[in-house]
Amino acid sequence: QVQLVESGGGLVQAGGSLRLSCLASGSIFSINTMGWYSQAPGKQRELVAIITSSKTTRYRDSVKGRFTISRDNAKNTVWLQMNSLKPDDTAVYYCNYRDYNRGVYDSWGQGTQVTVSS
């Protein structure tokens, strides 16, 4: 089992910045992918950004150039730096851990609310 604890959400004005953090603990395999997904009211959960343990990244098109994902493998921590925030970024953001050492194993955090006011 892998447990994820998120922090860093909140309320910010459009154009502002927030930094989300996610700490993983438990049965973590060295080869894994961690990332962030968002879910706005009435919508499905969508990928925001992911990063592999070898630091390869992938972003949703709408956040490219504004958001940066990073990680520290020794600390089992992933961050999402969000700049130039827009009201459309408002959502609950969930941290995800995935590895393929036991089939496809997914773990999710509890979610953190990000609200961007106009």
N, C-alpha and C. Protein backbone atom coordinates (compact mmCIF):
# COMPACT_ATOMS: atom_id res chain seq x y z
N GLN A 1 0.84 -1.19 0.00
CA GLN A 1 0.00 0.00 0.00
C GLN A 1 0.88 1.24 0.00
N VAL A 2 0.43 2.24 -0.75
CA VAL A 2 1.11 3.54 -0.78
C VAL A 2 0.11 4.59 -0.30
N GLN A 3 0.54 5.42 0.63
CA GLN A 3 -0.30 6.49 1.12
C GLN A 3 0.24 7.82 0.60
N LEU A 4 -0.68 8.71 0.26
CA LEU A 4 -0.32 10.02 -0.28
C LEU A 4 -0.95 11.11 0.57
N VAL A 5 -0.17 12.11 0.91
CA VAL A 5 -0.67 13.25 1.67
C VAL A 5 -0.35 14.52 0.89
N GLU A 6 -1.40 15.26 0.55
CA GLU A 6 -1.26 16.47 -0.24
C GLU A 6 -1.36 17.70 0.65
N SER A 7 -0.78 18.79 0.18
CA SER A 7 -0.93 20.07 0.85
C SER A 7 -0.69 21.18 -0.17
N GLY A 8 -1.13 22.39 0.20
CA GLY A 8 -0.79 23.56 -0.61
C GLY A 8 -1.92 24.18 -1.39
N GLY A 9 -3.11 23.61 -1.36
CA GLY A 9 -4.22 24.24 -2.08
C GLY A 9 -4.68 25.51 -1.38
N GLY A 10 -5.65 26.18 -1.99
CA GLY A 10 -6.18 27.39 -1.38
C GLY A 10 -6.88 28.28 -2.38
N LEU A 11 -7.12 29.49 -1.94
CA LEU A 11 -7.80 30.50 -2.76
C LEU A 11 -6.78 31.53 -3.22
N VAL A 12 -6.80 31.84 -4.50
CA VAL A 12 -5.86 32.80 -5.06
C VAL A 12 -6.55 33.58 -6.17
N GLN A 13 -6.11 34.79 -6.39
CA GLN A 13 -6.66 35.59 -7.47
C GLN A 13 -6.06 35.17 -8.81
N ALA A 14 -6.79 35.43 -9.87
CA ALA A 14 -6.28 35.13 -11.20
C ALA A 14 -4.93 35.82 -11.41
N GLY A 15 -4.01 35.08 -12.01
CA GLY A 15 -2.66 35.58 -12.21
C GLY A 15 -1.71 35.21 -11.09
N GLY A 16 -2.24 34.70 -10.00
CA GLY A 16 -1.43 34.33 -8.86
C GLY A 16 -0.81 32.95 -9.00
N SER A 17 -0.15 32.52 -7.92
CA SER A 17 0.57 31.24 -7.93
C SER A 17 0.23 30.43 -6.69
N LEU A 18 0.33 29.13 -6.84
CA LEU A 18 0.22 28.19 -5.74
C LEU A 18 1.20 27.05 -5.99
N ARG A 19 1.62 26.42 -4.90
CA ARG A 19 2.50 25.26 -5.02
C ARG A 19 1.88 24.12 -4.23
N LEU A 20 1.60 23.02 -4.92
CA LEU A 20 1.07 21.83 -4.28
C LEU A 20 2.20 20.86 -3.98
N SER A 21 2.06 20.16 -2.85
CA SER A 21 3.05 19.15 -2.46
C SER A 21 2.34 17.83 -2.20
N CYS A 22 3.03 16.74 -2.45
CA CYS A 22 2.47 15.41 -2.19
C CYS A 22 3.59 14.51 -1.69
N LEU A 23 3.40 13.98 -0.50
CA LEU A 23 4.37 13.09 0.12
C LEU A 23 3.83 11.67 0.08
N ALA A 24 4.63 10.76 -0.46
CA ALA A 24 4.26 9.35 -0.54
C ALA A 24 4.98 8.56 0.54
N SER A 25 4.29 7.55 1.07
CA SER A 25 4.89 6.66 2.05
C SER A 25 4.31 5.26 1.87
N GLY A 26 5.02 4.28 2.42
CA GLY A 26 4.55 2.91 2.31
C GLY A 26 5.41 2.09 1.36
N SER A 27 4.79 1.19 0.64
CA SER A 27 5.49 0.25 -0.25
C SER A 27 5.74 0.88 -1.61
N ILE A 28 6.76 1.72 -1.66
CA ILE A 28 7.08 2.48 -2.86
C ILE A 28 8.16 1.76 -3.65
N PHE A 29 7.89 1.51 -4.92
CA PHE A 29 8.88 0.93 -5.81
C PHE A 29 9.68 2.06 -6.44
N SER A 30 10.95 1.77 -6.70
CA SER A 30 11.84 2.82 -7.20
C SER A 30 11.43 3.32 -8.58
N ILE A 31 10.83 2.44 -9.39
CA ILE A 31 10.36 2.86 -10.71
C ILE A 31 8.87 3.11 -10.62
N ASN A 32 8.49 4.36 -10.74
CA ASN A 32 7.08 4.72 -10.60
C ASN A 32 6.80 6.04 -11.31
N THR A 33 5.55 6.35 -11.38
CA THR A 33 5.12 7.65 -11.91
C THR A 33 4.24 8.31 -10.88
N MET A 34 4.49 9.59 -10.64
CA MET A 34 3.64 10.37 -9.76
C MET A 34 3.12 11.57 -10.52
N GLY A 35 1.99 12.05 -10.09
CA GLY A 35 1.45 13.19 -10.82
C GLY A 35 0.24 13.80 -10.16
N TRP A 36 -0.35 14.72 -10.88
CA TRP A 36 -1.50 15.47 -10.40
C TRP A 36 -2.62 15.40 -11.43
N TYR A 37 -3.82 15.20 -10.91
CA TYR A 37 -5.03 15.21 -11.71
C TYR A 37 -5.99 16.23 -11.09
N SER A 38 -6.85 16.78 -11.90
CA SER A 38 -7.82 17.74 -11.38
C SER A 38 -9.24 17.31 -11.74
N GLN A 39 -10.16 17.67 -10.88
CA GLN A 39 -11.57 17.38 -11.12
C GLN A 39 -12.40 18.60 -10.75
N ALA A 40 -12.97 19.23 -11.77
CA ALA A 40 -13.85 20.37 -11.56
C ALA A 40 -15.28 19.86 -11.34
N PRO A 41 -16.13 20.66 -10.72
CA PRO A 41 -17.50 20.22 -10.46
C PRO A 41 -18.22 19.79 -11.74
N GLY A 42 -18.82 18.60 -11.69
CA GLY A 42 -19.56 18.09 -12.83
C GLY A 42 -18.72 17.54 -13.96
N LYS A 43 -17.40 17.48 -13.74
CA LYS A 43 -16.53 16.99 -14.81
C LYS A 43 -15.75 15.77 -14.34
N GLN A 44 -15.17 15.07 -15.31
CA GLN A 44 -14.35 13.92 -14.98
C GLN A 44 -12.96 14.36 -14.52
N ARG A 45 -12.32 13.47 -13.79
CA ARG A 45 -10.95 13.73 -13.36
C ARG A 45 -10.03 13.68 -14.58
N GLU A 46 -9.14 14.68 -14.69
CA GLU A 46 -8.25 14.78 -15.85
C GLU A 46 -6.81 14.94 -15.42
N LEU A 47 -5.93 14.43 -16.25
CA LEU A 47 -4.49 14.58 -15.98
C LEU A 47 -4.09 16.06 -16.08
N VAL A 48 -3.29 16.49 -15.11
CA VAL A 48 -2.68 17.83 -15.17
C VAL A 48 -1.22 17.70 -15.58
N ALA A 49 -0.48 16.90 -14.82
CA ALA A 49 0.93 16.68 -15.11
C ALA A 49 1.39 15.42 -14.40
N ILE A 50 2.30 14.69 -15.05
CA ILE A 50 2.90 13.52 -14.43
C ILE A 50 4.40 13.55 -14.64
N ILE A 51 5.11 12.85 -13.75
CA ILE A 51 6.56 12.78 -13.82
C ILE A 51 7.00 11.38 -13.41
N THR A 52 7.87 10.80 -14.22
CA THR A 52 8.36 9.46 -13.89
C THR A 52 9.54 9.56 -12.91
N SER A 53 9.94 8.43 -12.39
CA SER A 53 11.08 8.42 -11.47
C SER A 53 12.38 8.79 -12.18
N SER A 54 12.39 8.72 -13.52
CA SER A 54 13.56 9.17 -14.28
C SER A 54 13.39 10.62 -14.74
N LYS A 55 12.35 11.29 -14.23
CA LYS A 55 12.11 12.73 -14.42
C LYS A 55 11.55 13.10 -15.80
N THR A 56 11.02 12.15 -16.51
CA THR A 56 10.29 12.47 -17.74
C THR A 56 8.93 13.04 -17.35
N THR A 57 8.53 14.12 -18.02
CA THR A 57 7.28 14.79 -17.66
C THR A 57 6.29 14.82 -18.82
N ARG A 58 5.03 14.99 -18.46
CA ARG A 58 3.96 15.19 -19.45
C ARG A 58 2.93 16.12 -18.84
N TYR A 59 2.44 17.05 -19.65
CA TYR A 59 1.50 18.06 -19.17
C TYR A 59 0.24 18.09 -20.03
N ARG A 60 -0.86 18.49 -19.41
CA ARG A 60 -2.06 18.84 -20.15
C ARG A 60 -1.75 20.07 -20.98
N ASP A 61 -2.27 20.13 -22.18
CA ASP A 61 -1.94 21.26 -23.06
C ASP A 61 -2.25 22.61 -22.42
N SER A 62 -3.35 22.71 -21.71
CA SER A 62 -3.79 24.00 -21.19
C SER A 62 -2.91 24.54 -20.06
N VAL A 63 -2.02 23.72 -19.50
CA VAL A 63 -1.17 24.19 -18.41
C VAL A 63 0.30 24.33 -18.83
N LYS A 64 0.61 23.93 -20.05
CA LYS A 64 2.00 24.03 -20.51
C LYS A 64 2.46 25.48 -20.46
N GLY A 65 3.65 25.69 -19.93
CA GLY A 65 4.21 27.02 -19.82
C GLY A 65 3.78 27.75 -18.55
N ARG A 66 2.79 27.21 -17.84
CA ARG A 66 2.32 27.84 -16.59
C ARG A 66 2.61 26.96 -15.37
N PHE A 67 2.48 25.66 -15.53
CA PHE A 67 2.68 24.73 -14.41
C PHE A 67 3.99 23.97 -14.61
N THR A 68 4.63 23.65 -13.49
CA THR A 68 5.85 22.85 -13.52
C THR A 68 5.75 21.75 -12.47
N ILE A 69 5.96 20.52 -12.90
CA ILE A 69 5.98 19.40 -11.97
C ILE A 69 7.42 19.00 -11.70
N SER A 70 7.70 18.65 -10.45
CA SER A 70 9.04 18.22 -10.09
C SER A 70 8.93 17.19 -8.97
N ARG A 71 10.03 16.50 -8.72
CA ARG A 71 10.01 15.49 -7.67
C ARG A 71 11.39 15.30 -7.08
N ASP A 72 11.39 14.77 -5.86
CA ASP A 72 12.62 14.38 -5.18
C ASP A 72 12.45 12.91 -4.82
N ASN A 73 13.15 12.04 -5.53
CA ASN A 73 12.96 10.61 -5.31
C ASN A 73 13.39 10.18 -3.91
N ALA A 74 14.42 10.80 -3.39
CA ALA A 74 14.90 10.43 -2.05
C ALA A 74 13.87 10.78 -0.98
N LYS A 75 13.08 11.82 -1.23
CA LYS A 75 12.08 12.26 -0.26
C LYS A 75 10.68 11.76 -0.60
N ASN A 76 10.56 11.01 -1.71
CA ASN A 76 9.24 10.51 -2.15
C ASN A 76 8.21 11.63 -2.20
N THR A 77 8.61 12.75 -2.74
CA THR A 77 7.76 13.93 -2.79
C THR A 77 7.69 14.47 -4.21
N VAL A 78 6.49 14.91 -4.57
CA VAL A 78 6.28 15.55 -5.87
C VAL A 78 5.61 16.90 -5.61
N TRP A 79 5.97 17.87 -6.43
CA TRP A 79 5.42 19.23 -6.31
C TRP A 79 4.79 19.64 -7.64
N LEU A 80 3.83 20.52 -7.55
CA LEU A 80 3.26 21.16 -8.73
C LEU A 80 3.26 22.66 -8.50
N GLN A 81 4.14 23.35 -9.20
CA GLN A 81 4.18 24.81 -9.14
C GLN A 81 3.22 25.35 -10.18
N MET A 82 2.24 26.11 -9.73
CA MET A 82 1.21 26.63 -10.62
C MET A 82 1.30 28.15 -10.66
N ASN A 83 1.65 28.67 -11.82
CA ASN A 83 1.77 30.11 -12.02
C ASN A 83 0.71 30.59 -13.00
N SER A 84 0.51 31.90 -13.01
CA SER A 84 -0.46 32.51 -13.93
C SER A 84 -1.80 31.77 -13.90
N LEU A 85 -2.28 31.54 -12.70
CA LEU A 85 -3.51 30.77 -12.53
C LEU A 85 -4.71 31.49 -13.13
N LYS A 86 -5.62 30.68 -13.65
CA LYS A 86 -6.85 31.18 -14.28
C LYS A 86 -8.06 30.61 -13.56
N PRO A 87 -9.21 31.28 -13.63
CA PRO A 87 -10.42 30.72 -13.01
C PRO A 87 -10.73 29.31 -13.50
N ASP A 88 -10.41 28.99 -14.75
CA ASP A 88 -10.65 27.65 -15.27
C ASP A 88 -9.80 26.58 -14.60
N ASP A 89 -8.77 26.99 -13.86
CA ASP A 89 -7.94 26.03 -13.13
C ASP A 89 -8.60 25.58 -11.83
N THR A 90 -9.70 26.22 -11.46
CA THR A 90 -10.40 25.88 -10.23
C THR A 90 -10.87 24.43 -10.27
N ALA A 91 -10.47 23.67 -9.25
CA ALA A 91 -10.80 22.24 -9.19
C ALA A 91 -10.24 21.66 -7.91
N VAL A 92 -10.61 20.42 -7.65
CA VAL A 92 -9.92 19.64 -6.63
C VAL A 92 -8.76 18.93 -7.32
N TYR A 93 -7.58 19.07 -6.76
CA TYR A 93 -6.38 18.47 -7.33
C TYR A 93 -6.00 17.23 -6.50
N TYR A 94 -5.80 16.13 -7.22
CA TYR A 94 -5.48 14.86 -6.57
C TYR A 94 -4.07 14.41 -6.97
N CYS A 95 -3.33 13.99 -5.99
CA CYS A 95 -2.02 13.39 -6.24
C CYS A 95 -2.21 11.91 -6.57
N ASN A 96 -1.41 11.43 -7.49
CA ASN A 96 -1.48 10.02 -7.91
C ASN A 96 -0.11 9.39 -7.90
N TYR A 97 -0.06 8.15 -7.46
CA TYR A 97 1.13 7.31 -7.54
C TYR A 97 0.76 6.09 -8.37
N ARG A 98 1.63 5.71 -9.30
CA ARG A 98 1.39 4.52 -10.10
C ARG A 98 2.69 3.75 -10.29
N ASP A 99 2.60 2.42 -10.14
CA ASP A 99 3.71 1.57 -10.55
C ASP A 99 3.14 0.34 -11.24
N TYR A 100 4.03 -0.37 -11.94
CA TYR A 100 3.63 -1.53 -12.72
C TYR A 100 4.29 -2.80 -12.21
N ASN A 101 4.72 -2.77 -10.97
CA ASN A 101 5.42 -3.92 -10.40
C ASN A 101 4.46 -5.00 -9.90
N ARG A 102 3.20 -4.65 -9.78
CA ARG A 102 2.17 -5.59 -9.29
C ARG A 102 0.93 -5.42 -10.15
N GLY A 103 1.09 -5.57 -11.45
CA GLY A 103 0.04 -5.17 -12.37
C GLY A 103 0.07 -3.64 -12.41
N VAL A 104 -1.07 -3.03 -12.66
CA VAL A 104 -1.14 -1.58 -12.59
C VAL A 104 -1.65 -1.22 -11.19
N TYR A 105 -0.80 -0.57 -10.42
CA TYR A 105 -1.18 -0.20 -9.05
C TYR A 105 -1.31 1.31 -8.99
N ASP A 106 -2.46 1.78 -8.56
CA ASP A 106 -2.74 3.21 -8.40
C ASP A 106 -3.07 3.53 -6.95
N SER A 107 -2.53 4.63 -6.48
CA SER A 107 -2.94 5.17 -5.20
C SER A 107 -3.27 6.65 -5.38
N TRP A 108 -4.28 7.12 -4.65
CA TRP A 108 -4.73 8.51 -4.76
C TRP A 108 -4.69 9.21 -3.42
N GLY A 109 -4.37 10.50 -3.45
CA GLY A 109 -4.49 11.30 -2.26
C GLY A 109 -5.92 11.72 -2.04
N GLN A 110 -6.15 12.45 -0.96
CA GLN A 110 -7.50 12.83 -0.58
C GLN A 110 -8.01 14.02 -1.36
N GLY A 111 -7.12 14.72 -2.04
CA GLY A 111 -7.51 15.88 -2.83
C GLY A 111 -7.33 17.18 -2.06
N THR A 112 -6.97 18.22 -2.79
CA THR A 112 -6.83 19.55 -2.21
C THR A 112 -7.50 20.56 -3.14
N GLN A 113 -8.29 21.45 -2.55
CA GLN A 113 -9.07 22.39 -3.34
C GLN A 113 -8.20 23.56 -3.80
N VAL A 114 -8.28 23.88 -5.07
CA VAL A 114 -7.67 25.08 -5.63
C VAL A 114 -8.79 25.93 -6.22
N THR A 115 -8.90 27.15 -5.73
CA THR A 115 -9.93 28.05 -6.22
C THR A 115 -9.26 29.33 -6.72
N VAL A 116 -9.53 29.69 -7.97
CA VAL A 116 -8.95 30.88 -8.56
C VAL A 116 -10.08 31.86 -8.84
N SER A 117 -10.02 33.01 -8.19
CA SER A 117 -11.06 34.01 -8.37
C SER A 117 -10.68 34.99 -9.48
N SER A 118 -11.69 35.50 -10.15
CA SER A 118 -11.44 36.43 -11.26
C SER A 118 -11.40 37.87 -10.80
